[in-house]
Protein backbone atom coordinates (compact mmCIF):
# COMPACT_ATOMS: atom_id res chain seq x y z
CA MET A 1 0.00 0.00 0.00
CA LYS A 2 1.36 3.42 -0.98
CA ASN A 3 1.11 5.72 2.02
CA ILE A 4 0.16 9.37 1.63
CA VAL A 5 1.17 11.75 4.42
CA ILE A 6 -0.50 15.18 4.50
CA LEU A 7 1.06 18.16 6.26
CA ILE A 8 -1.24 20.92 7.56
CA SER A 9 -1.07 23.97 9.82
CA GLY A 10 -4.73 24.99 10.14
CA GLY A 11 -8.26 24.04 9.15
CA GLY A 12 -7.12 21.46 6.64
CA SER A 13 -9.90 21.97 4.10
CA ASN A 14 -7.67 20.81 1.22
CA MET A 15 -6.62 17.80 3.31
CA ALA A 16 -10.29 16.99 3.93
CA ALA A 17 -11.01 17.29 0.19
CA ILE A 18 -8.20 14.80 -0.51
CA VAL A 19 -9.37 12.37 2.19
CA ASN A 20 -12.95 12.54 0.88
CA ALA A 21 -11.76 12.01 -2.71
CA ALA A 22 -9.64 9.04 -1.63
CA GLN A 23 -12.69 7.43 -0.02
CA ARG A 24 -15.07 8.24 -2.91
CA GLY A 25 -12.57 7.23 -5.58
CA ARG A 26 -11.52 4.10 -3.68
CA TRP A 27 -7.83 4.94 -4.06
CA ALA A 28 -6.93 1.88 -1.96
CA ASP A 29 -8.61 -0.43 -4.46
CA HIS A 30 -7.64 1.39 -7.66
CA TYR A 31 -4.14 2.65 -6.88
CA GLY A 32 -3.10 0.79 -3.74
CA ALA A 33 -2.91 4.16 -1.96
CA ARG A 34 -4.28 5.52 1.30
CA VAL A 35 -3.98 8.63 3.44
CA ALA A 36 -1.93 7.12 6.26
CA ALA A 37 -1.22 10.16 8.43
CA VAL A 38 -1.86 13.85 8.89
CA ILE A 39 0.90 15.84 10.58
CA SER A 40 0.62 19.40 11.83
CA ASN A 41 3.13 21.83 13.29
CA LYS A 42 0.30 23.28 15.42
CA ALA A 43 -1.51 21.32 18.13
CA ASP A 44 -4.69 23.40 17.70
CA ALA A 45 -4.97 22.83 13.93
CA LYS A 46 -8.66 22.12 13.32
CA GLY A 47 -7.84 19.72 10.51
CA LEU A 48 -6.48 17.22 13.04
CA GLU A 49 -10.00 16.69 14.41
CA PHE A 50 -11.35 15.83 10.97
CA ALA A 51 -8.49 13.44 10.21
CA SER A 52 -8.82 11.70 13.56
CA ALA A 53 -12.58 11.30 13.03
CA GLN A 54 -11.79 9.52 9.74
CA GLY A 55 -9.57 7.04 11.57
CA ILE A 56 -6.36 8.57 10.19
CA VAL A 57 -3.28 8.71 12.39
CA THR A 58 -2.53 12.29 13.46
CA GLU A 59 0.74 13.70 14.76
CA VAL A 60 1.77 17.10 16.10
CA LEU A 61 5.32 18.35 15.74
CA ASP A 62 5.66 21.85 17.20
CA HIS A 63 8.29 23.76 15.21
CA LYS A 64 8.77 26.19 18.12
CA VAL A 65 10.57 23.60 20.27
CA TYR A 66 13.32 23.08 17.70
CA PRO A 67 16.39 25.32 17.67
CA SER A 68 16.50 25.63 13.87
CA ARG A 69 14.56 25.03 10.70
CA GLU A 70 16.97 22.19 9.90
CA ALA A 71 16.32 20.49 13.24
CA PHE A 72 12.56 20.69 12.78
CA ASP A 73 12.75 19.36 9.22
CA ALA A 74 14.94 16.46 10.36
CA ALA A 75 12.40 15.52 13.04
CA LEU A 76 9.55 15.90 10.52
CA ALA A 77 11.35 13.60 8.08
CA GLN A 78 11.76 11.00 10.83
CA LEU A 79 7.99 11.06 11.41
CA ILE A 80 7.19 10.83 7.69
CA ASP A 81 9.69 8.03 7.15
CA ARG A 82 7.65 5.76 9.42
CA TYR A 83 5.29 5.51 6.45
CA ASP A 84 8.02 5.15 3.81
CA SER A 85 9.42 2.02 2.20
CA PRO A 86 11.76 1.32 -0.73
CA GLU A 87 9.04 -0.64 -2.55
CA GLN A 88 6.34 2.01 -2.01
CA PRO A 89 7.85 5.48 -1.53
CA VAL A 90 5.63 7.73 0.57
CA LEU A 91 3.82 10.63 -1.12
CA VAL A 92 3.96 13.86 0.92
CA LEU A 93 1.25 16.47 0.31
CA LEU A 94 1.44 20.02 1.65
CA ALA A 95 -2.08 21.29 2.35
CA GLY A 96 -1.85 24.68 4.02
CA PHE A 97 1.42 23.76 5.73
CA MET A 98 2.78 27.18 6.62
CA ARG A 99 6.47 26.34 6.87
CA ILE A 100 9.23 26.94 4.36
CA LEU A 101 11.04 23.62 4.02
CA THR A 102 14.81 23.30 3.83
CA PRO A 103 16.53 22.14 0.62
CA ALA A 104 17.65 18.93 2.38
CA PHE A 105 14.03 18.05 3.22
CA VAL A 106 12.82 18.91 -0.29
CA ASN A 107 15.58 16.81 -1.88
CA ARG A 108 14.78 13.87 0.38
CA TYR A 109 11.25 13.65 -1.07
CA ALA A 110 12.03 14.94 -4.57
CA GLY A 111 9.38 13.96 -7.11
CA ARG A 112 6.87 13.00 -4.43
CA LEU A 113 6.49 16.23 -2.43
CA VAL A 114 3.45 18.15 -3.68
CA ASN A 115 2.01 21.57 -2.83
CA ILE A 116 -1.02 23.64 -3.75
CA HIS A 117 -0.60 27.40 -4.12
CA PRO A 118 -3.44 29.95 -4.46
CA SER A 119 -2.26 31.63 -7.66
CA LEU A 120 -1.52 30.77 -11.26
CA LEU A 121 2.19 30.13 -10.83
CA PRO A 122 4.69 31.40 -11.75
CA ALA A 123 2.66 34.56 -10.98
CA PHE A 124 2.39 35.65 -7.34
CA ALA A 125 4.58 33.19 -5.51
CA GLY A 126 4.64 33.71 -1.75
CA LEU A 127 1.96 35.32 0.40
CA HIS A 128 -1.01 37.70 -0.17
CA THR A 129 -1.62 36.25 -3.63
CA HIS A 130 -5.23 37.38 -3.99
CA GLN A 131 -4.60 40.99 -2.97
CA ARG A 132 -1.60 41.15 -5.28
CA ALA A 133 -3.63 39.77 -8.20
CA ILE A 134 -6.37 42.37 -7.64
CA GLU A 135 -3.85 45.22 -7.31
CA ALA A 136 -2.13 44.11 -10.53
CA GLY A 137 -5.43 44.33 -12.39
CA CYS A 138 -5.54 40.63 -13.23
CA GLN A 139 -8.72 39.45 -14.92
CA VAL A 140 -8.11 35.88 -13.80
CA ALA A 141 -6.60 34.26 -10.75
CA GLY A 142 -6.55 30.64 -9.65
CA ALA A 143 -4.64 27.81 -8.03
CA THR A 144 -1.68 25.62 -8.95
CA VAL A 145 -0.69 22.14 -7.82
CA HIS A 146 3.03 21.60 -8.29
CA LEU A 147 5.93 19.41 -7.29
CA VAL A 148 8.01 21.14 -4.62
CA THR A 149 11.58 22.22 -5.32
CA ALA A 150 14.03 24.13 -3.14
CA GLU A 151 12.86 27.41 -4.72
CA LEU A 152 9.67 28.65 -3.01
CA ASP A 153 6.47 28.06 -5.02
CA HIS A 154 8.32 26.81 -8.07
CA GLY A 155 8.67 23.32 -9.46
CA PRO A 156 6.92 21.40 -12.22
CA ILE A 157 3.23 22.27 -12.50
CA LEU A 158 0.85 19.30 -12.24
CA ALA A 159 -2.48 21.12 -12.61
CA GLN A 160 -4.06 24.57 -12.58
CA ALA A 161 -7.55 25.99 -12.18
CA VAL A 162 -8.55 29.44 -13.42
CA VAL A 163 -10.99 31.67 -11.53
CA PRO A 164 -12.24 35.04 -12.86
CA VAL A 165 -11.48 38.18 -10.87
CA LEU A 166 -14.84 39.96 -10.64
CA PRO A 167 -15.49 43.70 -10.35
CA GLY A 168 -15.58 44.63 -6.68
CA ASP A 169 -13.67 41.54 -5.58
CA THR A 170 -11.77 41.75 -2.31
CA ALA A 171 -8.94 39.45 -1.34
CA ASP A 172 -11.43 37.52 0.81
CA THR A 173 -14.12 37.04 -1.85
CA LEU A 174 -11.54 36.01 -4.43
CA ALA A 175 -9.86 33.65 -1.95
CA ALA A 176 -13.20 31.96 -1.22
CA ARG A 177 -13.84 31.31 -4.93
CA VAL A 178 -10.31 30.07 -5.50
CA LEU A 179 -10.59 27.74 -2.49
CA THR A 180 -13.64 25.97 -3.95
CA GLN A 181 -11.52 25.21 -7.03
CA GLU A 182 -8.58 24.08 -4.88
CA HIS A 183 -10.83 21.45 -3.30
CA LEU A 184 -11.50 20.00 -6.76
CA LEU A 185 -8.06 20.55 -8.25
CA TYR A 186 -5.83 19.02 -5.57
CA PRO A 187 -7.56 15.61 -5.43
CA GLN A 188 -7.60 15.48 -9.25
CA ALA A 189 -3.88 16.23 -9.43
CA VAL A 190 -3.07 13.60 -6.79
CA THR A 191 -5.21 11.06 -8.65
CA GLY A 192 -3.23 11.80 -11.80
CA LEU A 193 0.03 11.36 -9.92
CA LEU A 194 -1.13 8.03 -8.45
CA GLN A 195 -2.08 6.81 -11.92
CA LYS A 196 1.45 7.58 -13.14
CA LEU A 197 3.04 5.92 -10.11
CA ALA A 198 0.79 2.83 -10.23
């Protein structure tokens, strides 16, 4: 069984969308894949409650107790590697995980570390994507699922969804419309990746 580990920091709505898609699409039967664990760097992340209710193993690894980014990433890798095996390399999905990962961590999971970003990359990498899109006068915005590389919000694009920017949009209204597309896009992109890896 190919294990999927999802990293979150908050509500975990994209994680929930993936878990629901895995159950509906019977990933275990079709691709030999399952969401094995959800790990958060915050103990109060609401997404942990959802994952636990689905019978998924949850872990908390508080980044604040580690002296450096490297130390935290090393401990995180140790947790993830419990679900890893040479025959079935673990797939690691970032779903609102608000930590910049070190190059060593990224390289360790190269080709199987996936992120979703709320813009049409390569436009608007980083934070405040919706406000920046509105201020730039963009007529469209959207979301991108991509493989993670050491450069922030770069890496090969797996899938994108386009959302119109409407007159009178605020960062919040645009974010809400983009998020509904993220919930469709991320599971689709992971399904496509599982089909390639099967």
